[in-house]
Amino acid sequence: MDNWKHRSKKMRCSSCMWFVEKIAENIETAPAPKNSLGRCRRNAPTMNGFPAVFSDDWCGNHKLNENSL
């Protein structure tokens, strides 16, 4: 029995306080993405900026964002 099997479902980037979603410039013509692209601002940016992540990604540094529930 694996206790961690479905634990990541509640720890997605979309519900994390460090996730900043990329907003499409032309919202009217942009198709609705299945999983949106954004940036993880958990750590300081590197020379390439903040890491790009999808809203359904997850990591061990997740911190719940109460406003996204």
N, C-alpha and C. Protein backbone atom coordinates (compact mmCIF):
# COMPACT_ATOMS: atom_id res chain seq x y z
N MET A 1 0.84 -1.18 0.00
CA MET A 1 0.00 0.00 0.00
C MET A 1 0.89 1.25 0.00
N ASP A 2 0.64 2.14 -0.94
CA ASP A 2 1.44 3.35 -1.07
C ASP A 2 0.66 4.55 -0.51
N ASN A 3 1.11 5.09 0.62
CA ASN A 3 0.42 6.21 1.25
C ASN A 3 0.59 7.52 0.48
N TRP A 4 1.58 7.60 -0.40
CA TRP A 4 1.87 8.84 -1.12
C TRP A 4 1.30 8.83 -2.54
N LYS A 5 0.55 7.80 -2.90
CA LYS A 5 0.09 7.60 -4.27
C LYS A 5 -0.68 8.81 -4.82
N HIS A 6 -1.63 9.35 -4.10
CA HIS A 6 -2.45 10.45 -4.60
C HIS A 6 -2.20 11.76 -3.85
N ARG A 7 -1.18 11.81 -3.05
CA ARG A 7 -0.91 13.01 -2.26
C ARG A 7 -0.59 14.23 -3.14
N SER A 8 0.05 14.02 -4.27
CA SER A 8 0.44 15.14 -5.13
C SER A 8 -0.75 15.84 -5.77
N LYS A 9 -1.93 15.23 -5.81
CA LYS A 9 -3.09 15.86 -6.43
C LYS A 9 -3.49 17.14 -5.71
N LYS A 10 -3.24 17.23 -4.40
CA LYS A 10 -3.58 18.42 -3.65
C LYS A 10 -2.41 19.39 -3.56
N MET A 11 -1.28 19.03 -4.15
CA MET A 11 -0.09 19.86 -4.06
C MET A 11 0.36 20.33 -5.45
N ARG A 12 -0.56 20.65 -6.31
CA ARG A 12 -0.25 21.13 -7.66
C ARG A 12 0.19 22.59 -7.61
N CYS A 13 0.93 23.01 -8.60
CA CYS A 13 1.38 24.40 -8.68
C CYS A 13 0.21 25.38 -8.70
N SER A 14 -0.91 24.98 -9.28
CA SER A 14 -2.06 25.88 -9.39
C SER A 14 -2.60 26.32 -8.03
N SER A 15 -2.35 25.55 -6.97
CA SER A 15 -2.83 25.92 -5.64
C SER A 15 -1.71 26.41 -4.73
N CYS A 16 -0.53 26.66 -5.31
CA CYS A 16 0.63 27.08 -4.52
C CYS A 16 0.75 28.60 -4.51
N MET A 17 1.17 29.15 -3.38
CA MET A 17 1.32 30.60 -3.27
C MET A 17 2.51 31.13 -4.06
N TRP A 18 3.43 30.27 -4.46
CA TRP A 18 4.62 30.69 -5.21
C TRP A 18 4.38 30.71 -6.71
N PHE A 19 3.26 30.18 -7.18
CA PHE A 19 2.95 30.07 -8.61
C PHE A 19 2.33 31.37 -9.12
N VAL A 20 2.91 31.92 -10.20
CA VAL A 20 2.36 33.10 -10.86
C VAL A 20 2.04 32.71 -12.30
N GLU A 21 0.74 32.73 -12.62
CA GLU A 21 0.29 32.32 -13.94
C GLU A 21 0.61 33.37 -14.99
N LYS A 22 1.02 32.90 -16.17
CA LYS A 22 1.28 33.80 -17.30
C LYS A 22 -0.06 34.12 -17.95
N ILE A 23 -0.35 35.40 -18.05
CA ILE A 23 -1.61 35.84 -18.65
C ILE A 23 -1.40 36.09 -20.14
N ALA A 24 -2.28 35.55 -20.96
CA ALA A 24 -2.20 35.74 -22.42
C ALA A 24 -2.46 37.21 -22.74
N GLU A 25 -1.70 37.74 -23.69
CA GLU A 25 -1.86 39.15 -24.06
C GLU A 25 -3.20 39.41 -24.72
N ASN A 26 -3.63 38.52 -25.60
CA ASN A 26 -4.91 38.69 -26.28
C ASN A 26 -5.85 37.60 -25.78
N ILE A 27 -6.56 37.88 -24.72
CA ILE A 27 -7.40 36.87 -24.07
C ILE A 27 -8.56 36.44 -24.95
N GLU A 28 -9.09 37.34 -25.77
CA GLU A 28 -10.26 37.02 -26.58
C GLU A 28 -9.98 35.95 -27.62
N THR A 29 -8.78 35.94 -28.22
CA THR A 29 -8.48 34.97 -29.27
C THR A 29 -7.66 33.79 -28.77
N ALA A 30 -7.13 33.88 -27.56
CA ALA A 30 -6.30 32.79 -27.04
C ALA A 30 -7.19 31.63 -26.61
N PRO A 31 -6.86 30.41 -27.03
CA PRO A 31 -7.65 29.26 -26.58
C PRO A 31 -7.40 28.98 -25.11
N ALA A 32 -8.39 28.44 -24.44
CA ALA A 32 -8.24 28.12 -23.02
C ALA A 32 -7.30 26.93 -22.88
N PRO A 33 -6.15 27.11 -22.23
CA PRO A 33 -5.20 26.00 -22.10
C PRO A 33 -5.68 24.96 -21.09
N LYS A 34 -5.33 23.73 -21.36
CA LYS A 34 -5.69 22.65 -20.44
C LYS A 34 -4.96 22.84 -19.11
N ASN A 35 -3.70 23.12 -19.18
CA ASN A 35 -2.93 23.45 -17.99
C ASN A 35 -2.08 24.67 -18.32
N SER A 36 -2.26 25.71 -17.55
CA SER A 36 -1.63 26.99 -17.87
C SER A 36 -0.15 27.00 -17.52
N LEU A 37 0.55 27.89 -18.18
CA LEU A 37 1.98 28.08 -17.97
C LEU A 37 2.18 29.22 -16.99
N GLY A 38 3.20 29.11 -16.16
CA GLY A 38 3.49 30.16 -15.20
C GLY A 38 4.92 30.09 -14.73
N ARG A 39 5.21 30.82 -13.67
CA ARG A 39 6.55 30.86 -13.09
C ARG A 39 6.49 30.48 -11.63
N CYS A 40 7.50 29.74 -11.18
CA CYS A 40 7.63 29.39 -9.76
C CYS A 40 8.56 30.41 -9.12
N ARG A 41 8.05 31.14 -8.15
CA ARG A 41 8.84 32.18 -7.49
C ARG A 41 9.26 31.78 -6.09
N ARG A 42 9.42 30.49 -5.88
CA ARG A 42 9.82 29.97 -4.56
C ARG A 42 11.24 30.40 -4.21
N ASN A 43 12.15 30.34 -5.16
CA ASN A 43 13.54 30.69 -4.93
C ASN A 43 13.90 31.93 -5.75
N ALA A 44 15.03 32.51 -5.45
CA ALA A 44 15.48 33.69 -6.19
C ALA A 44 15.70 33.34 -7.65
N PRO A 45 15.45 34.30 -8.56
CA PRO A 45 15.63 34.01 -9.98
C PRO A 45 17.10 33.81 -10.33
N THR A 46 17.33 33.04 -11.38
CA THR A 46 18.68 32.82 -11.90
C THR A 46 18.88 33.77 -13.08
N MET A 47 19.95 33.59 -13.82
CA MET A 47 20.19 34.41 -15.00
C MET A 47 19.09 34.22 -16.05
N ASN A 48 18.42 33.08 -16.02
CA ASN A 48 17.33 32.79 -16.96
C ASN A 48 15.97 33.20 -16.41
N GLY A 49 15.90 33.82 -15.24
CA GLY A 49 14.64 34.20 -14.62
C GLY A 49 14.11 33.11 -13.72
N PHE A 50 12.84 33.21 -13.38
CA PHE A 50 12.20 32.20 -12.55
C PHE A 50 11.91 30.97 -13.40
N PRO A 51 11.91 29.77 -12.81
CA PRO A 51 11.64 28.54 -13.58
C PRO A 51 10.22 28.53 -14.14
N ALA A 52 10.07 28.10 -15.38
CA ALA A 52 8.75 27.96 -16.00
C ALA A 52 8.15 26.63 -15.57
N VAL A 53 6.89 26.66 -15.14
CA VAL A 53 6.18 25.46 -14.70
C VAL A 53 4.76 25.48 -15.23
N PHE A 54 4.15 24.31 -15.30
CA PHE A 54 2.74 24.21 -15.66
C PHE A 54 1.91 24.13 -14.39
N SER A 55 0.63 24.48 -14.49
CA SER A 55 -0.23 24.50 -13.31
C SER A 55 -0.45 23.11 -12.70
N ASP A 56 -0.24 22.04 -13.48
CA ASP A 56 -0.43 20.70 -12.93
C ASP A 56 0.88 20.05 -12.49
N ASP A 57 1.99 20.80 -12.51
CA ASP A 57 3.25 20.30 -11.95
C ASP A 57 3.17 20.35 -10.43
N TRP A 58 4.12 19.73 -9.77
CA TRP A 58 4.18 19.80 -8.32
C TRP A 58 5.60 19.56 -7.85
N CYS A 59 5.90 19.98 -6.62
CA CYS A 59 7.22 19.77 -6.03
C CYS A 59 7.07 19.63 -4.52
N GLY A 60 8.16 19.47 -3.83
CA GLY A 60 8.14 19.32 -2.37
C GLY A 60 8.10 20.63 -1.62
N ASN A 61 8.16 21.76 -2.32
CA ASN A 61 8.15 23.07 -1.67
C ASN A 61 6.77 23.72 -1.69
N HIS A 62 5.74 22.98 -1.97
CA HIS A 62 4.38 23.52 -2.09
C HIS A 62 3.94 24.18 -0.79
N LYS A 63 3.35 25.37 -0.94
CA LYS A 63 2.75 26.07 0.19
C LYS A 63 1.39 26.55 -0.28
N LEU A 64 0.33 26.11 0.39
CA LEU A 64 -1.03 26.35 -0.04
C LEU A 64 -1.37 27.83 -0.10
N ASN A 65 -1.98 28.25 -1.20
CA ASN A 65 -2.45 29.61 -1.38
C ASN A 65 -3.93 29.62 -1.05
N GLU A 66 -4.34 30.25 0.04
CA GLU A 66 -5.73 30.23 0.46
C GLU A 66 -6.64 30.97 -0.51
N ASN A 67 -6.11 31.90 -1.30
CA ASN A 67 -6.93 32.64 -2.25
C ASN A 67 -7.27 31.86 -3.49
N SER A 68 -6.55 30.79 -3.79
CA SER A 68 -6.80 30.02 -5.02
C SER A 68 -7.72 28.83 -4.79
N LEU A 69 -8.21 28.65 -3.60
CA LEU A 69 -9.11 27.53 -3.32
C LEU A 69 -10.51 27.78 -3.75
